[in-house]
Amino acid sequence: MLVKKTNDENSRLGLVIAKKNLPLAAQRNKLKRIVRETFRKNRFSQSVDVVFLAQKEIVKYPFSDLNEMVAKAWSNLQKKLQKYD
């Protein structure tokens, strides 16, 4: 995950999920839905641009675990942003 603070009003999300890392389109689409939904639910204290990069190891985890992992990543990001306010 790459993060950069911005001066815009809203936070933005970019997704990089390669076919090489998740070979089935259904898997890629499900991961995108999970990441977008968890991003939408988290309101950040500052506006940020986030690029979510899917690695090869992501195939090892079931989607139920991925949902929790991504939500935890957003909360960790929120804590870091509050720390640097």
N, C-alpha and C. Protein backbone atom coordinates (compact mmCIF):
# COMPACT_ATOMS: atom_id res chain seq x y z
N MET A 1 0.84 -1.15 0.00
CA MET A 1 0.00 0.00 0.00
C MET A 1 0.90 1.23 0.00
N LEU A 2 0.64 2.13 -0.91
CA LEU A 2 1.37 3.39 -0.99
C LEU A 2 0.42 4.51 -0.61
N VAL A 3 0.87 5.44 0.22
CA VAL A 3 0.01 6.51 0.72
C VAL A 3 0.73 7.84 0.60
N LYS A 4 -0.05 8.86 0.19
CA LYS A 4 0.49 10.21 0.12
C LYS A 4 -0.59 11.19 0.55
N LYS A 5 -0.24 12.12 1.42
CA LYS A 5 -1.19 13.15 1.84
C LYS A 5 -1.44 14.09 0.67
N THR A 6 -2.67 14.61 0.59
CA THR A 6 -3.02 15.56 -0.46
C THR A 6 -3.74 16.76 0.13
N ASN A 7 -3.89 17.77 -0.68
CA ASN A 7 -4.64 18.96 -0.27
C ASN A 7 -6.07 18.94 -0.76
N ASP A 8 -6.46 17.87 -1.44
CA ASP A 8 -7.84 17.75 -1.92
C ASP A 8 -8.79 17.56 -0.74
N GLU A 9 -10.08 17.71 -1.02
CA GLU A 9 -11.08 17.51 0.03
C GLU A 9 -11.30 16.04 0.32
N ASN A 10 -11.23 15.19 -0.70
CA ASN A 10 -11.56 13.78 -0.55
C ASN A 10 -10.34 12.90 -0.70
N SER A 11 -10.40 11.77 -0.02
CA SER A 11 -9.36 10.75 -0.19
C SER A 11 -9.66 9.96 -1.46
N ARG A 12 -8.61 9.48 -2.09
CA ARG A 12 -8.79 8.70 -3.32
C ARG A 12 -8.10 7.36 -3.19
N LEU A 13 -8.60 6.39 -3.96
CA LEU A 13 -8.08 5.03 -3.92
C LEU A 13 -7.74 4.58 -5.32
N GLY A 14 -6.57 3.97 -5.46
CA GLY A 14 -6.17 3.35 -6.72
C GLY A 14 -5.88 1.87 -6.45
N LEU A 15 -6.26 1.03 -7.38
CA LEU A 15 -6.07 -0.42 -7.21
C LEU A 15 -5.17 -0.96 -8.31
N VAL A 16 -4.17 -1.75 -7.90
CA VAL A 16 -3.30 -2.43 -8.85
C VAL A 16 -3.37 -3.92 -8.49
N ILE A 17 -4.16 -4.64 -9.27
CA ILE A 17 -4.35 -6.07 -9.02
C ILE A 17 -4.08 -6.79 -10.34
N ALA A 18 -2.90 -7.33 -10.46
CA ALA A 18 -2.45 -7.92 -11.71
C ALA A 18 -3.06 -9.31 -11.93
N LYS A 19 -3.29 -9.62 -13.19
CA LYS A 19 -3.79 -10.93 -13.57
C LYS A 19 -2.77 -12.01 -13.19
N LYS A 20 -1.53 -11.65 -13.19
CA LYS A 20 -0.44 -12.56 -12.82
C LYS A 20 -0.56 -12.99 -11.35
N ASN A 21 -1.03 -12.08 -10.49
CA ASN A 21 -1.14 -12.37 -9.07
C ASN A 21 -2.46 -13.04 -8.69
N LEU A 22 -3.54 -12.65 -9.34
CA LEU A 22 -4.85 -13.28 -9.14
C LEU A 22 -5.37 -13.66 -10.52
N PRO A 23 -5.20 -14.91 -10.92
CA PRO A 23 -5.48 -15.30 -12.30
C PRO A 23 -6.94 -15.25 -12.73
N LEU A 24 -7.88 -15.46 -11.82
CA LEU A 24 -9.29 -15.47 -12.21
C LEU A 24 -9.90 -14.08 -12.04
N ALA A 25 -10.67 -13.67 -13.05
CA ALA A 25 -11.30 -12.35 -13.01
C ALA A 25 -12.24 -12.22 -11.82
N ALA A 26 -12.92 -13.30 -11.47
CA ALA A 26 -13.84 -13.26 -10.33
C ALA A 26 -13.08 -12.96 -9.03
N GLN A 27 -11.88 -13.51 -8.90
CA GLN A 27 -11.06 -13.24 -7.71
C GLN A 27 -10.63 -11.78 -7.67
N ARG A 28 -10.18 -11.28 -8.82
CA ARG A 28 -9.75 -9.88 -8.88
C ARG A 28 -10.91 -8.94 -8.56
N ASN A 29 -12.07 -9.21 -9.12
CA ASN A 29 -13.23 -8.35 -8.89
C ASN A 29 -13.69 -8.40 -7.44
N LYS A 30 -13.66 -9.57 -6.83
CA LYS A 30 -14.06 -9.69 -5.44
C LYS A 30 -13.11 -8.93 -4.54
N LEU A 31 -11.82 -9.04 -4.80
CA LEU A 31 -10.84 -8.29 -4.02
C LEU A 31 -11.05 -6.79 -4.17
N LYS A 32 -11.31 -6.35 -5.38
CA LYS A 32 -11.57 -4.92 -5.62
C LYS A 32 -12.78 -4.45 -4.83
N ARG A 33 -13.84 -5.26 -4.81
CA ARG A 33 -15.04 -4.89 -4.06
C ARG A 33 -14.75 -4.79 -2.56
N ILE A 34 -13.97 -5.74 -2.06
CA ILE A 34 -13.61 -5.73 -0.63
C ILE A 34 -12.82 -4.48 -0.30
N VAL A 35 -11.81 -4.18 -1.10
CA VAL A 35 -10.95 -3.03 -0.82
C VAL A 35 -11.74 -1.73 -0.93
N ARG A 36 -12.55 -1.58 -1.96
CA ARG A 36 -13.34 -0.36 -2.13
C ARG A 36 -14.32 -0.15 -0.98
N GLU A 37 -15.00 -1.22 -0.57
CA GLU A 37 -15.99 -1.11 0.49
C GLU A 37 -15.34 -0.75 1.82
N THR A 38 -14.24 -1.39 2.16
CA THR A 38 -13.58 -1.07 3.42
C THR A 38 -12.99 0.35 3.39
N PHE A 39 -12.52 0.78 2.22
CA PHE A 39 -12.01 2.15 2.07
C PHE A 39 -13.13 3.16 2.26
N ARG A 40 -14.29 2.84 1.68
CA ARG A 40 -15.44 3.74 1.77
C ARG A 40 -15.91 3.89 3.22
N LYS A 41 -15.88 2.81 3.98
CA LYS A 41 -16.34 2.84 5.37
C LYS A 41 -15.41 3.61 6.28
N ASN A 42 -14.12 3.66 5.97
CA ASN A 42 -13.16 4.36 6.81
C ASN A 42 -13.05 5.81 6.36
N ARG A 43 -13.27 6.70 7.30
CA ARG A 43 -13.10 8.13 7.05
C ARG A 43 -11.78 8.55 7.66
N PHE A 44 -10.89 9.08 6.85
CA PHE A 44 -9.57 9.46 7.32
C PHE A 44 -9.58 10.89 7.81
N SER A 45 -8.74 11.18 8.80
CA SER A 45 -8.68 12.52 9.38
C SER A 45 -8.11 13.53 8.38
N GLN A 46 -7.27 13.06 7.47
CA GLN A 46 -6.69 13.91 6.43
C GLN A 46 -7.01 13.28 5.08
N SER A 47 -7.00 14.09 4.05
CA SER A 47 -7.21 13.52 2.72
C SER A 47 -5.90 12.88 2.24
N VAL A 48 -6.03 11.69 1.71
CA VAL A 48 -4.86 10.94 1.25
C VAL A 48 -5.17 10.29 -0.10
N ASP A 49 -4.12 10.04 -0.83
CA ASP A 49 -4.20 9.22 -2.03
C ASP A 49 -3.57 7.88 -1.67
N VAL A 50 -4.30 6.80 -1.91
CA VAL A 50 -3.83 5.46 -1.56
C VAL A 50 -3.80 4.60 -2.81
N VAL A 51 -2.70 3.89 -3.00
CA VAL A 51 -2.61 2.90 -4.07
C VAL A 51 -2.46 1.55 -3.40
N PHE A 52 -3.42 0.68 -3.65
CA PHE A 52 -3.43 -0.67 -3.09
C PHE A 52 -2.79 -1.60 -4.11
N LEU A 53 -1.68 -2.24 -3.72
CA LEU A 53 -0.96 -3.16 -4.60
C LEU A 53 -1.17 -4.59 -4.12
N ALA A 54 -1.72 -5.44 -4.94
CA ALA A 54 -1.92 -6.84 -4.57
C ALA A 54 -0.67 -7.64 -4.91
N GLN A 55 -0.17 -8.38 -3.94
CA GLN A 55 1.01 -9.21 -4.12
C GLN A 55 0.60 -10.66 -4.40
N LYS A 56 1.54 -11.47 -4.83
CA LYS A 56 1.27 -12.87 -5.14
C LYS A 56 0.77 -13.65 -3.93
N GLU A 57 1.23 -13.30 -2.74
CA GLU A 57 0.87 -14.04 -1.53
C GLU A 57 -0.61 -13.90 -1.18
N ILE A 58 -1.29 -12.97 -1.81
CA ILE A 58 -2.69 -12.73 -1.49
C ILE A 58 -3.58 -13.93 -1.84
N VAL A 59 -3.11 -14.79 -2.73
CA VAL A 59 -3.86 -15.97 -3.14
C VAL A 59 -4.00 -16.96 -1.99
N LYS A 60 -3.06 -16.95 -1.06
CA LYS A 60 -3.04 -17.91 0.04
C LYS A 60 -4.20 -17.73 1.02
N TYR A 61 -4.75 -16.52 1.11
CA TYR A 61 -5.74 -16.20 2.13
C TYR A 61 -7.16 -16.32 1.60
N PRO A 62 -8.08 -16.84 2.41
CA PRO A 62 -9.49 -16.83 2.00
C PRO A 62 -10.03 -15.40 2.05
N PHE A 63 -11.09 -15.13 1.28
CA PHE A 63 -11.60 -13.77 1.18
C PHE A 63 -12.16 -13.26 2.50
N SER A 64 -12.64 -14.14 3.36
CA SER A 64 -13.13 -13.69 4.67
C SER A 64 -11.99 -13.10 5.49
N ASP A 65 -10.81 -13.70 5.41
CA ASP A 65 -9.65 -13.18 6.11
C ASP A 65 -9.15 -11.89 5.47
N LEU A 66 -9.24 -11.81 4.15
CA LEU A 66 -8.78 -10.60 3.46
C LEU A 66 -9.59 -9.39 3.88
N ASN A 67 -10.88 -9.57 4.07
CA ASN A 67 -11.73 -8.47 4.49
C ASN A 67 -11.24 -7.90 5.82
N GLU A 68 -10.93 -8.77 6.76
CA GLU A 68 -10.42 -8.33 8.06
C GLU A 68 -9.04 -7.70 7.94
N MET A 69 -8.19 -8.28 7.11
CA MET A 69 -6.83 -7.76 6.95
C MET A 69 -6.83 -6.36 6.34
N VAL A 70 -7.66 -6.16 5.34
CA VAL A 70 -7.72 -4.85 4.69
C VAL A 70 -8.31 -3.82 5.64
N ALA A 71 -9.35 -4.19 6.38
CA ALA A 71 -9.94 -3.26 7.35
C ALA A 71 -8.92 -2.88 8.41
N LYS A 72 -8.12 -3.85 8.84
CA LYS A 72 -7.07 -3.57 9.83
C LYS A 72 -6.00 -2.64 9.25
N ALA A 73 -5.68 -2.83 7.97
CA ALA A 73 -4.69 -1.96 7.32
C ALA A 73 -5.19 -0.51 7.28
N TRP A 74 -6.49 -0.33 7.01
CA TRP A 74 -7.04 1.04 6.98
C TRP A 74 -7.00 1.65 8.37
N SER A 75 -7.30 0.86 9.41
CA SER A 75 -7.27 1.42 10.76
C SER A 75 -5.83 1.77 11.17
N ASN A 76 -4.86 0.96 10.76
CA ASN A 76 -3.45 1.28 11.03
C ASN A 76 -3.05 2.57 10.33
N LEU A 77 -3.51 2.75 9.10
CA LEU A 77 -3.23 3.97 8.36
C LEU A 77 -3.84 5.17 9.07
N GLN A 78 -5.06 5.01 9.56
CA GLN A 78 -5.73 6.10 10.27
C GLN A 78 -4.95 6.49 11.52
N LYS A 79 -4.44 5.50 12.25
CA LYS A 79 -3.65 5.77 13.45
C LYS A 79 -2.37 6.53 13.10
N LYS A 80 -1.71 6.15 12.01
CA LYS A 80 -0.49 6.84 11.60
C LYS A 80 -0.78 8.27 11.18
N LEU A 81 -1.91 8.49 10.51
CA LEU A 81 -2.27 9.84 10.11
C LEU A 81 -2.55 10.71 11.32
N GLN A 82 -3.20 10.16 12.32
CA GLN A 82 -3.49 10.93 13.54
C GLN A 82 -2.22 11.24 14.30
N LYS A 83 -1.27 10.32 14.24
CA LYS A 83 0.01 10.51 14.92
C LYS A 83 0.77 11.70 14.35
N TYR A 84 0.68 11.91 13.04
CA TYR A 84 1.42 12.98 12.39
C TYR A 84 0.63 14.26 12.22
N ASP A 85 -0.55 14.37 12.84
CA ASP A 85 -1.33 15.62 12.79
C ASP A 85 -0.69 16.70 13.61
